Amino acid sequence: MYSVDELEDRLIDLAFAEDIGDGDHTTLCCIPEDATGKSHLLIKEDGILAGVEVAKRVFARFDDTLQVEVLLGDGTEVKKGDIAMVVSGKTRSLLQTERLMLNIMQRMSGIATTTHKYVELLKGTHTKVLDTRKTTPGMRMLEKQAVKIGGGVNHRIGLFDMILLKDNHVDFAGGIKNAITKCHEYLSEKSLDLKIEIEVRNFEELSQVLETGGVDRIMLDNFSVDDTKKAVGMIDGKYETESSGGITFDTIRRYAECGVDFVSVGALTHSVKGLDMSFKAC
């Protein structure tokens, strides 16, 4: 399995190959090889900055002679007109790294900004905002970093670091009890120590989970606010609780006030708007 750094380097290499191909002919035709310059990252929209450390990796991966002066770090609440960093060195390198750096930073900052807005809505409750696996292929590690920068909490990274028995698993396994039983048999056989979460769709399934036991967290999928409050009362602190399914800015506070430990929000990553910024010569 790859480390986070290895995954980031592979993503950066693939992105450069996708963008530059056999050469940035626009830059090569009009910029002398020995030309040097300086560009700054201009913030054009209020939000939460994210991706600064990844941007430094992008510059170093392409040209380790580029000099990066960071003025505003990850997690900073930025305003329109702020300058986040200044990069100096070969002009060709500045031009060829510009778009990849911006693509990453705009998306990560958009995710961090959106996450922060959800987190702010939960102030005064103990509920935490979770991300999901609804991420851009290849960018999951970066997008989940952005969620953390925005104040959220990462759910499982992938299919390998937690058991999550969802509706299809339960149906294919022949029901709640069978799914949980087979899960424990598998973990024992493979000598794995993974947390177990199970999704329930109604009170009948919830009752079956409470009778069977053997899980760490119960996900209440598409429960109404009133039903969530009732379900949290039935669970009575025996297991962690998570609300999921169509939860929005307008409803998340009401779910939190039901007493759930977590609320998962796919919109943190699957449809977020990037934060506006540009990389301009200075």
C-alpha atoms as a PDB file:
ATOM      1  CA  MET A   1       0.000   0.000   0.000  1.00  0.00           C
ATOM      2  CA  TYR A   2       1.277   3.462  -0.881  1.00  0.00           C
ATOM      3  CA  SER A   3       1.996   6.132   1.737  1.00  0.00           C
ATOM      4  CA  VAL A   4       0.252   9.513   1.563  1.00  0.00           C
ATOM      5  CA  ASP A   5       3.432  11.136   0.196  1.00  0.00           C
ATOM      6  CA  GLU A   6       3.806   8.455  -2.473  1.00  0.00           C
ATOM      7  CA  LEU A   7       0.185   8.863  -3.546  1.00  0.00           C
ATOM      8  CA  GLU A   8       0.606  12.625  -3.777  1.00  0.00           C
ATOM      9  CA  ASP A   9       3.766  12.267  -5.880  1.00  0.00           C
ATOM     10  CA  ARG A  10       2.047   9.809  -8.230  1.00  0.00           C
ATOM     11  CA  LEU A  11      -0.905  12.182  -8.605  1.00  0.00           C
ATOM     12  CA  ILE A  12       1.397  15.134  -9.313  1.00  0.00           C
ATOM     13  CA  ASP A  13       3.385  13.163 -11.895  1.00  0.00           C
ATOM     14  CA  LEU A  14       0.214  11.982 -13.639  1.00  0.00           C
ATOM     15  CA  ALA A  15      -1.230  15.488 -13.641  1.00  0.00           C
ATOM     16  CA  PHE A  16       1.908  16.959 -15.204  1.00  0.00           C
ATOM     17  CA  ALA A  17       1.910  14.217 -17.846  1.00  0.00           C
ATOM     18  CA  GLU A  18      -1.741  14.966 -18.590  1.00  0.00           C
ATOM     19  CA  ASP A  19      -1.190  18.722 -18.865  1.00  0.00           C
ATOM     20  CA  ILE A  20       2.261  19.109 -20.414  1.00  0.00           C
ATOM     21  CA  GLY A  21       2.480  15.994 -22.589  1.00  0.00           C
ATOM     22  CA  ASP A  22       5.512  16.276 -24.887  1.00  0.00           C
ATOM     23  CA  GLY A  23       6.063  19.916 -23.937  1.00  0.00           C
ATOM     24  CA  ASP A  24       4.415  23.252 -23.154  1.00  0.00           C
ATOM     25  CA  HIS A  25       4.999  24.614 -26.631  1.00  0.00           C
ATOM     26  CA  THR A  26       3.383  27.978 -25.811  1.00  0.00           C
ATOM     27  CA  THR A  27       5.918  28.663 -23.080  1.00  0.00           C
ATOM     28  CA  LEU A  28       8.853  27.107 -24.917  1.00  0.00           C
ATOM     29  CA  CYS A  29       8.295  29.212 -28.029  1.00  0.00           C
ATOM     30  CA  CYS A  30       8.322  32.618 -26.358  1.00  0.00           C
ATOM     31  CA  ILE A  31      10.122  32.393 -23.005  1.00  0.00           C
ATOM     32  CA  PRO A  32      13.939  32.112 -22.989  1.00  0.00           C
ATOM     33  CA  GLU A  33      15.340  29.156 -21.063  1.00  0.00           C
ATOM     34  CA  ASP A  34      17.367  31.386 -18.730  1.00  0.00           C
ATOM     35  CA  ALA A  35      14.575  33.870 -17.974  1.00  0.00           C
ATOM     36  CA  THR A  36      13.588  34.292 -14.331  1.00  0.00           C
ATOM     37  CA  GLY A  37      10.598  35.867 -12.680  1.00  0.00           C
ATOM     38  CA  LYS A  38       8.260  36.001  -9.735  1.00  0.00           C
ATOM     39  CA  SER A  39       4.531  35.225  -9.326  1.00  0.00           C
ATOM     40  CA  HIS A  40       2.166  35.604  -6.390  1.00  0.00           C
ATOM     41  CA  LEU A  41      -0.959  33.672  -5.435  1.00  0.00           C
ATOM     42  CA  LEU A  42      -3.808  36.182  -5.291  1.00  0.00           C
ATOM     43  CA  ILE A  43      -6.948  35.270  -3.349  1.00  0.00           C
ATOM     44  CA  LYS A  44     -10.075  36.507  -5.135  1.00  0.00           C
ATOM     45  CA  GLU A  45     -12.776  35.211  -2.782  1.00  0.00           C
ATOM     46  CA  ASP A  46     -13.239  34.948   0.995  1.00  0.00           C
ATOM     47  CA  GLY A  47     -12.792  31.463   2.432  1.00  0.00           C
ATOM     48  CA  ILE A  48     -10.479  28.973   4.128  1.00  0.00           C
ATOM     49  CA  LEU A  49      -7.104  28.412   2.494  1.00  0.00           C
ATOM     50  CA  ALA A  50      -6.018  24.811   1.874  1.00  0.00           C
ATOM     51  CA  GLY A  51      -3.416  23.104  -0.275  1.00  0.00           C
ATOM     52  CA  VAL A  52      -0.406  25.277   0.525  1.00  0.00           C
ATOM     53  CA  GLU A  53       1.763  22.335   1.559  1.00  0.00           C
ATOM     54  CA  VAL A  54       0.692  20.354  -1.501  1.00  0.00           C
ATOM     55  CA  ALA A  55       1.472  23.348  -3.726  1.00  0.00           C
ATOM     56  CA  LYS A  56       5.004  23.382  -2.331  1.00  0.00           C
ATOM     57  CA  ARG A  57       5.317  19.716  -3.364  1.00  0.00           C
ATOM     58  CA  VAL A  58       4.070  20.556  -6.870  1.00  0.00           C
ATOM     59  CA  PHE A  59       6.713  23.254  -7.317  1.00  0.00           C
ATOM     60  CA  ALA A  60       9.512  21.102  -5.877  1.00  0.00           C
ATOM     61  CA  ARG A  61       8.491  18.064  -7.924  1.00  0.00           C
ATOM     62  CA  PHE A  62       8.720  20.036 -11.160  1.00  0.00           C
ATOM     63  CA  ASP A  63      11.677  22.293 -10.368  1.00  0.00           C
ATOM     64  CA  ASP A  64      13.440  22.120  -7.015  1.00  0.00           C
ATOM     65  CA  THR A  65      15.172  25.447  -7.662  1.00  0.00           C
ATOM     66  CA  LEU A  66      11.906  27.382  -7.332  1.00  0.00           C
ATOM     67  CA  GLN A  67      11.792  29.487  -4.170  1.00  0.00           C
ATOM     68  CA  VAL A  68       8.440  29.527  -2.338  1.00  0.00           C
ATOM     69  CA  GLU A  69       7.680  32.199   0.257  1.00  0.00           C
ATOM     70  CA  VAL A  70       4.525  31.233   2.153  1.00  0.00           C
ATOM     71  CA  LEU A  71       2.665  34.223   3.540  1.00  0.00           C
ATOM     72  CA  LEU A  72      -0.578  32.466   4.572  1.00  0.00           C
ATOM     73  CA  GLY A  73      -0.704  28.824   5.647  1.00  0.00           C
ATOM     74  CA  ASP A  74      -3.271  26.060   5.438  1.00  0.00           C
ATOM     75  CA  GLY A  75      -6.349  26.746   7.531  1.00  0.00           C
ATOM     76  CA  THR A  76      -6.042  30.537   7.337  1.00  0.00           C
ATOM     77  CA  GLU A  77      -9.279  32.458   6.938  1.00  0.00           C
ATOM     78  CA  VAL A  78      -8.504  34.504   3.831  1.00  0.00           C
ATOM     79  CA  LYS A  79     -10.133  37.560   2.298  1.00  0.00           C
ATOM     80  CA  LYS A  80     -10.389  38.769  -1.286  1.00  0.00           C
ATOM     81  CA  GLY A  81      -7.152  40.563  -2.160  1.00  0.00           C
ATOM     82  CA  ASP A  82      -4.878  38.573   0.166  1.00  0.00           C
ATOM     83  CA  ILE A  83      -1.540  37.279  -1.159  1.00  0.00           C
ATOM     84  CA  ALA A  84      -0.986  33.709   0.025  1.00  0.00           C
ATOM     85  CA  MET A  85       2.496  33.021  -1.377  1.00  0.00           C
ATOM     86  CA  VAL A  86       5.199  34.347  -3.652  1.00  0.00           C
ATOM     87  CA  VAL A  87       7.183  32.005  -5.908  1.00  0.00           C
ATOM     88  CA  SER A  88      10.357  32.984  -7.736  1.00  0.00           C
ATOM     89  CA  GLY A  89      12.668  31.231 -10.165  1.00  0.00           C
ATOM     90  CA  LYS A  90      12.687  30.119 -13.792  1.00  0.00           C
ATOM     91  CA  THR A  91       9.850  31.775 -15.687  1.00  0.00           C
ATOM     92  CA  ARG A  92       9.203  28.604 -17.678  1.00  0.00           C
ATOM     93  CA  SER A  93       8.715  26.654 -14.458  1.00  0.00           C
ATOM     94  CA  LEU A  94       6.332  29.252 -13.044  1.00  0.00           C
ATOM     95  CA  LEU A  95       4.178  29.026 -16.161  1.00  0.00           C
ATOM     96  CA  GLN A  96       4.180  25.233 -16.374  1.00  0.00           C
ATOM     97  CA  THR A  97       3.279  24.658 -12.712  1.00  0.00           C
ATOM     98  CA  GLU A  98       0.609  27.362 -12.543  1.00  0.00           C
ATOM     99  CA  ARG A  99      -2.472  25.405 -13.600  1.00  0.00           C
ATOM    100  CA  LEU A 100      -1.811  22.243 -11.594  1.00  0.00           C
ATOM    101  CA  MET A 101      -1.089  24.250  -8.450  1.00  0.00           C
ATOM    102  CA  LEU A 102      -4.255  26.295  -8.936  1.00  0.00           C
ATOM    103  CA  ASN A 103      -6.428  23.263  -9.697  1.00  0.00           C
ATOM    104  CA  ILE A 104      -5.327  21.629  -6.447  1.00  0.00           C
ATOM    105  CA  MET A 105      -5.477  24.721  -4.260  1.00  0.00           C
ATOM    106  CA  GLN A 106      -8.807  25.960  -5.591  1.00  0.00           C
ATOM    107  CA  ARG A 107     -10.457  22.594  -5.028  1.00  0.00           C
ATOM    108  CA  MET A 108      -8.908  21.983  -1.613  1.00  0.00           C
ATOM    109  CA  SER A 109      -9.746  25.521  -0.484  1.00  0.00           C
ATOM    110  CA  GLY A 110     -13.323  25.124  -1.720  1.00  0.00           C
ATOM    111  CA  ILE A 111     -13.675  21.912   0.295  1.00  0.00           C
ATOM    112  CA  ALA A 112     -12.113  23.468   3.394  1.00  0.00           C
ATOM    113  CA  THR A 113     -14.395  26.507   3.078  1.00  0.00           C
ATOM    114  CA  THR A 114     -17.540  24.400   2.702  1.00  0.00           C
ATOM    115  CA  THR A 115     -16.522  22.139   5.578  1.00  0.00           C
ATOM    116  CA  HIS A 116     -15.890  25.139   7.812  1.00  0.00           C
ATOM    117  CA  LYS A 117     -19.402  26.439   7.111  1.00  0.00           C
ATOM    118  CA  TYR A 118     -20.915  23.119   8.216  1.00  0.00           C
ATOM    119  CA  VAL A 119     -18.695  22.981  11.301  1.00  0.00           C
ATOM    120  CA  GLU A 120     -19.753  26.497  12.301  1.00  0.00           C
ATOM    121  CA  LEU A 121     -23.394  25.415  12.203  1.00  0.00           C
ATOM    122  CA  LEU A 122     -22.678  22.746  14.840  1.00  0.00           C
ATOM    123  CA  LYS A 123     -21.103  25.011  17.455  1.00  0.00           C
ATOM    124  CA  GLY A 124     -22.381  24.198  20.904  1.00  0.00           C
ATOM    125  CA  THR A 125     -23.130  20.551  20.062  1.00  0.00           C
ATOM    126  CA  HIS A 126     -20.821  17.546  20.368  1.00  0.00           C
ATOM    127  CA  THR A 127     -21.562  16.421  16.799  1.00  0.00           C
ATOM    128  CA  LYS A 128     -18.709  16.231  14.278  1.00  0.00           C
ATOM    129  CA  VAL A 129     -18.894  16.601  10.493  1.00  0.00           C
ATOM    130  CA  LEU A 130     -17.669  13.574   8.525  1.00  0.00           C
ATOM    131  CA  ASP A 131     -16.637  13.291   4.897  1.00  0.00           C
ATOM    132  CA  THR A 132     -17.403  10.299   2.648  1.00  0.00           C
ATOM    133  CA  ARG A 133     -15.830   8.293  -0.189  1.00  0.00           C
ATOM    134  CA  LYS A 134     -17.619  10.510  -2.726  1.00  0.00           C
ATOM    135  CA  THR A 135     -14.345  12.019  -3.870  1.00  0.00           C
ATOM    136  CA  THR A 136     -12.590  12.794  -7.154  1.00  0.00           C
ATOM    137  CA  PRO A 137     -10.740   9.653  -8.353  1.00  0.00           C
ATOM    138  CA  GLY A 138      -7.040  10.005  -7.526  1.00  0.00           C
ATOM    139  CA  MET A 139      -7.545  13.079  -5.321  1.00  0.00           C
ATOM    140  CA  ARG A 140      -9.074  11.459  -2.256  1.00  0.00           C
ATOM    141  CA  MET A 141      -6.091  12.036   0.045  1.00  0.00           C
ATOM    142  CA  LEU A 142      -5.949  15.716  -0.899  1.00  0.00           C
ATOM    143  CA  GLU A 143      -9.690  16.201  -0.544  1.00  0.00           C
ATOM    144  CA  LYS A 144      -9.756  14.504   2.837  1.00  0.00           C
ATOM    145  CA  GLN A 145      -6.830  16.667   3.969  1.00  0.00           C
ATOM    146  CA  ALA A 146      -8.919  19.678   2.976  1.00  0.00           C
ATOM    147  CA  VAL A 147     -11.848  18.449   5.088  1.00  0.00           C
ATOM    148  CA  LYS A 148      -9.572  18.275   8.128  1.00  0.00           C
ATOM    149  CA  ILE A 149      -8.154  21.733   7.404  1.00  0.00           C
ATOM    150  CA  GLY A 150     -11.736  23.028   7.356  1.00  0.00           C
ATOM    151  CA  GLY A 151     -12.423  21.529  10.793  1.00  0.00           C
ATOM    152  CA  GLY A 152     -14.163  18.316   9.743  1.00  0.00           C
ATOM    153  CA  VAL A 153     -13.290  14.719  10.539  1.00  0.00           C
ATOM    154  CA  ASN A 154     -12.277  12.016   8.100  1.00  0.00           C
ATOM    155  CA  HIS A 155     -14.460   8.921   7.879  1.00  0.00           C
ATOM    156  CA  ARG A 156     -12.649   5.854   6.552  1.00  0.00           C
ATOM    157  CA  ILE A 157     -10.074   6.636   3.883  1.00  0.00           C
ATOM    158  CA  GLY A 158     -11.101   3.717   1.687  1.00  0.00           C
ATOM    159  CA  LEU A 159     -12.409   0.183   1.765  1.00  0.00           C
ATOM    160  CA  PHE A 160      -9.385  -1.063   3.680  1.00  0.00           C
ATOM    161  CA  ASP A 161      -9.316   0.807   6.997  1.00  0.00           C
ATOM    162  CA  MET A 162     -12.808   0.232   8.421  1.00  0.00           C
ATOM    163  CA  ILE A 163     -15.764  -2.123   8.034  1.00  0.00           C
ATOM    164  CA  LEU A 164     -18.922  -0.362   6.860  1.00  0.00           C
ATOM    165  CA  LEU A 165     -21.830  -2.739   6.311  1.00  0.00           C
ATOM    166  CA  LYS A 166     -24.163  -0.787   4.041  1.00  0.00           C
ATOM    167  CA  ASP A 167     -27.609  -1.698   2.763  1.00  0.00           C
ATOM    168  CA  ASN A 168     -26.324  -3.734  -0.191  1.00  0.00           C
ATOM    169  CA  HIS A 169     -23.925  -5.690   2.029  1.00  0.00           C
ATOM    170  CA  VAL A 170     -26.769  -6.483   4.431  1.00  0.00           C
ATOM    171  CA  ASP A 171     -29.091  -7.551   1.607  1.00  0.00           C
ATOM    172  CA  PHE A 172     -26.517  -9.715  -0.146  1.00  0.00           C
ATOM    173  CA  ALA A 173     -25.405 -11.272   3.171  1.00  0.00           C
ATOM    174  CA  GLY A 174     -28.966 -12.283   4.057  1.00  0.00           C
ATOM    175  CA  GLY A 175     -29.776  -9.764   6.755  1.00  0.00           C
ATOM    176  CA  ILE A 176     -28.354  -7.811   9.687  1.00  0.00           C
ATOM    177  CA  LYS A 177     -27.377 -10.750  11.894  1.00  0.00           C
ATOM    178  CA  ASN A 178     -25.707 -12.687   9.082  1.00  0.00           C
ATOM    179  CA  ALA A 179     -23.748  -9.633   7.964  1.00  0.00           C
ATOM    180  CA  ILE A 180     -22.410  -8.905  11.464  1.00  0.00           C
ATOM    181  CA  THR A 181     -21.635 -12.567  12.174  1.00  0.00           C
ATOM    182  CA  LYS A 182     -19.752 -13.023   8.889  1.00  0.00           C
ATOM    183  CA  CYS A 183     -17.895  -9.790   9.527  1.00  0.00           C
ATOM    184  CA  HIS A 184     -16.535 -11.029  12.872  1.00  0.00           C
ATOM    185  CA  GLU A 185     -15.619 -14.398  11.399  1.00  0.00           C
ATOM    186  CA  TYR A 186     -13.661 -12.676   8.634  1.00  0.00           C
ATOM    187  CA  LEU A 187     -11.838 -10.299  10.984  1.00  0.00           C
ATOM    188  CA  SER A 188     -10.878 -13.199  13.244  1.00  0.00           C
ATOM    189  CA  GLU A 189      -9.687 -15.330  10.340  1.00  0.00           C
ATOM    190  CA  LYS A 190      -7.578 -12.480   8.911  1.00  0.00           C
ATOM    191  CA  SER A 191      -6.371 -11.258  12.338  1.00  0.00           C
ATOM    192  CA  LEU A 192      -7.637  -7.765  11.575  1.00  0.00           C
ATOM    193  CA  ASP A 193      -8.572  -5.140  14.137  1.00  0.00           C
ATOM    194  CA  LEU A 194     -10.999  -2.816  12.349  1.00  0.00           C
ATOM    195  CA  LYS A 195     -13.915  -0.793  13.656  1.00  0.00           C
ATOM    196  CA  ILE A 196     -17.330  -1.953  12.481  1.00  0.00           C
ATOM    197  CA  GLU A 197     -20.122   0.357  11.402  1.00  0.00           C
ATOM    198  CA  ILE A 198     -23.500  -0.760  10.102  1.00  0.00           C
ATOM    199  CA  GLU A 199     -26.141   1.173   8.208  1.00  0.00           C
ATOM    200  CA  VAL A 200     -29.799   0.835   9.165  1.00  0.00           C
ATOM    201  CA  ARG A 201     -32.749   2.014   7.091  1.00  0.00           C
ATOM    202  CA  ASN A 202     -35.587   1.697   9.577  1.00  0.00           C
ATOM    203  CA  PHE A 203     -36.447   0.851  13.175  1.00  0.00           C
ATOM    204  CA  GLU A 204     -36.785  -2.849  12.428  1.00  0.00           C
ATOM    205  CA  GLU A 205     -33.168  -3.009  11.280  1.00  0.00           C
ATOM    206  CA  LEU A 206     -32.077  -0.869  14.212  1.00  0.00           C
ATOM    207  CA  SER A 207     -33.751  -3.299  16.628  1.00  0.00           C
ATOM    208  CA  GLN A 208     -31.960  -6.201  14.952  1.00  0.00           C
ATOM    209  CA  VAL A 209     -28.603  -4.470  15.378  1.00  0.00           C
ATOM    210  CA  LEU A 210     -29.303  -3.754  19.046  1.00  0.00           C
ATOM    211  CA  GLU A 211     -30.251  -7.406  19.579  1.00  0.00           C
ATOM    212  CA  THR A 212     -27.174  -8.701  17.737  1.00  0.00           C
ATOM    213  CA  GLY A 213     -24.545  -6.237  18.979  1.00  0.00           C
ATOM    214  CA  GLY A 214     -20.929  -6.518  17.882  1.00  0.00           C
ATOM    215  CA  VAL A 215     -20.596  -3.135  16.189  1.00  0.00           C
ATOM    216  CA  ASP A 216     -18.931   0.170  17.039  1.00  0.00           C
ATOM    217  CA  ARG A 217     -21.165   2.637  15.211  1.00  0.00           C
ATOM    218  CA  ILE A 218     -24.685   2.714  13.789  1.00  0.00           C
ATOM    219  CA  MET A 219     -25.444   4.823  10.744  1.00  0.00           C
ATOM    220  CA  LEU A 220     -29.019   6.117  10.593  1.00  0.00           C
ATOM    221  CA  ASP A 221     -29.596   6.439   6.871  1.00  0.00           C
ATOM    222  CA  ASN A 222     -32.282   8.822   5.601  1.00  0.00           C
ATOM    223  CA  PHE A 223     -34.002   9.021   9.002  1.00  0.00           C
ATOM    224  CA  SER A 224     -36.146  12.094   9.595  1.00  0.00           C
ATOM    225  CA  VAL A 225     -35.159  14.423  12.429  1.00  0.00           C
ATOM    226  CA  ASP A 226     -37.923  13.050  14.670  1.00  0.00           C
ATOM    227  CA  ASP A 227     -36.985   9.442  13.900  1.00  0.00           C
ATOM    228  CA  THR A 228     -33.308  10.238  14.512  1.00  0.00           C
ATOM    229  CA  LYS A 229     -34.130  11.554  17.975  1.00  0.00           C
ATOM    230  CA  LYS A 230     -36.116   8.400  18.722  1.00  0.00           C
ATOM    231  CA  ALA A 231     -33.313   6.174  17.389  1.00  0.00           C
ATOM    232  CA  VAL A 232     -30.644   7.935  19.478  1.00  0.00           C
ATOM    233  CA  GLY A 233     -32.829   7.297  22.527  1.00  0.00           C
ATOM    234  CA  MET A 234     -33.104   3.584  21.660  1.00  0.00           C
ATOM    235  CA  ILE A 235     -29.329   3.277  21.196  1.00  0.00           C
ATOM    236  CA  ASP A 236     -28.842   5.079  24.527  1.00  0.00           C
ATOM    237  CA  GLY A 237     -25.101   5.615  24.186  1.00  0.00           C
ATOM    238  CA  LYS A 238     -24.260   1.940  23.636  1.00  0.00           C
ATOM    239  CA  TYR A 239     -22.784   2.682  20.227  1.00  0.00           C
ATOM    240  CA  GLU A 240     -21.557   5.706  18.313  1.00  0.00           C
ATOM    241  CA  THR A 241     -24.224   7.198  16.065  1.00  0.00           C
ATOM    242  CA  GLU A 242     -24.029   8.774  12.624  1.00  0.00           C
ATOM    243  CA  SER A 243     -26.704  10.508  10.581  1.00  0.00           C
ATOM    244  CA  SER A 244     -26.433  10.260   6.819  1.00  0.00           C
ATOM    245  CA  GLY A 245     -28.448  10.896   3.687  1.00  0.00           C
ATOM    246  CA  GLY A 246     -29.456  14.217   2.153  1.00  0.00           C
ATOM    247  CA  ILE A 247     -28.446  16.369   5.107  1.00  0.00           C
ATOM    248  CA  THR A 248     -28.037  20.036   4.156  1.00  0.00           C
ATOM    249  CA  PHE A 249     -27.022  23.399   5.640  1.00  0.00           C
ATOM    250  CA  ASP A 250     -30.650  23.925   6.574  1.00  0.00           C
ATOM    251  CA  THR A 251     -31.093  20.626   8.421  1.00  0.00           C
ATOM    252  CA  ILE A 252     -27.710  19.660   9.879  1.00  0.00           C
ATOM    253  CA  ARG A 253     -28.182  21.605  13.132  1.00  0.00           C
ATOM    254  CA  ARG A 254     -31.472  19.838  13.855  1.00  0.00           C
ATOM    255  CA  TYR A 255     -29.845  16.450  13.357  1.00  0.00           C
ATOM    256  CA  ALA A 256     -27.003  17.411  15.666  1.00  0.00           C
ATOM    257  CA  GLU A 257     -29.465  18.483  18.338  1.00  0.00           C
ATOM    258  CA  CYS A 258     -30.856  14.933  18.293  1.00  0.00           C
ATOM    259  CA  GLY A 259     -27.595  13.882  19.949  1.00  0.00           C
ATOM    260  CA  VAL A 260     -25.850  12.019  17.108  1.00  0.00           C
ATOM    261  CA  ASP A 261     -22.070  11.806  17.336  1.00  0.00           C
ATOM    262  CA  PHE A 262     -21.431  12.351  13.634  1.00  0.00           C
ATOM    263  CA  VAL A 263     -23.152  13.699  10.549  1.00  0.00           C
ATOM    264  CA  SER A 264     -21.707  12.593   7.196  1.00  0.00           C
ATOM    265  CA  VAL A 265     -22.004  15.018   4.291  1.00  0.00           C
ATOM    266  CA  GLY A 266     -21.136  13.859   0.778  1.00  0.00           C
ATOM    267  CA  ALA A 267     -21.466  17.428  -0.504  1.00  0.00           C
ATOM    268  CA  LEU A 268     -18.183  18.350   1.202  1.00  0.00           C
ATOM    269  CA  THR A 269     -16.363  16.737  -1.716  1.00  0.00           C
ATOM    270  CA  HIS A 270     -18.695  15.575  -4.479  1.00  0.00           C
ATOM    271  CA  SER A 271     -20.103  18.905  -5.662  1.00  0.00           C
ATOM    272  CA  VAL A 272     -18.109  21.647  -3.993  1.00  0.00           C
ATOM    273  CA  LYS A 273     -17.229  24.931  -5.724  1.00  0.00           C
ATOM    274  CA  GLY A 274     -13.558  25.829  -5.913  1.00  0.00           C
ATOM    275  CA  LEU A 275     -12.294  28.980  -4.191  1.00  0.00           C
ATOM    276  CA  ASP A 276     -11.378  31.669  -6.716  1.00  0.00           C
ATOM    277  CA  MET A 277      -7.676  32.573  -6.882  1.00  0.00           C
ATOM    278  CA  SER A 278      -5.029  33.330  -9.507  1.00  0.00           C
ATOM    279  CA  PHE A 279      -1.256  33.081  -9.974  1.00  0.00           C
ATOM    280  CA  LYS A 280       0.015  36.335 -11.463  1.00  0.00           C
ATOM    281  CA  ALA A 281       3.393  37.752 -12.386  1.00  0.00           C
ATOM    282  CA  CYS A 282       4.554  40.398  -9.948  1.00  0.00           C
END
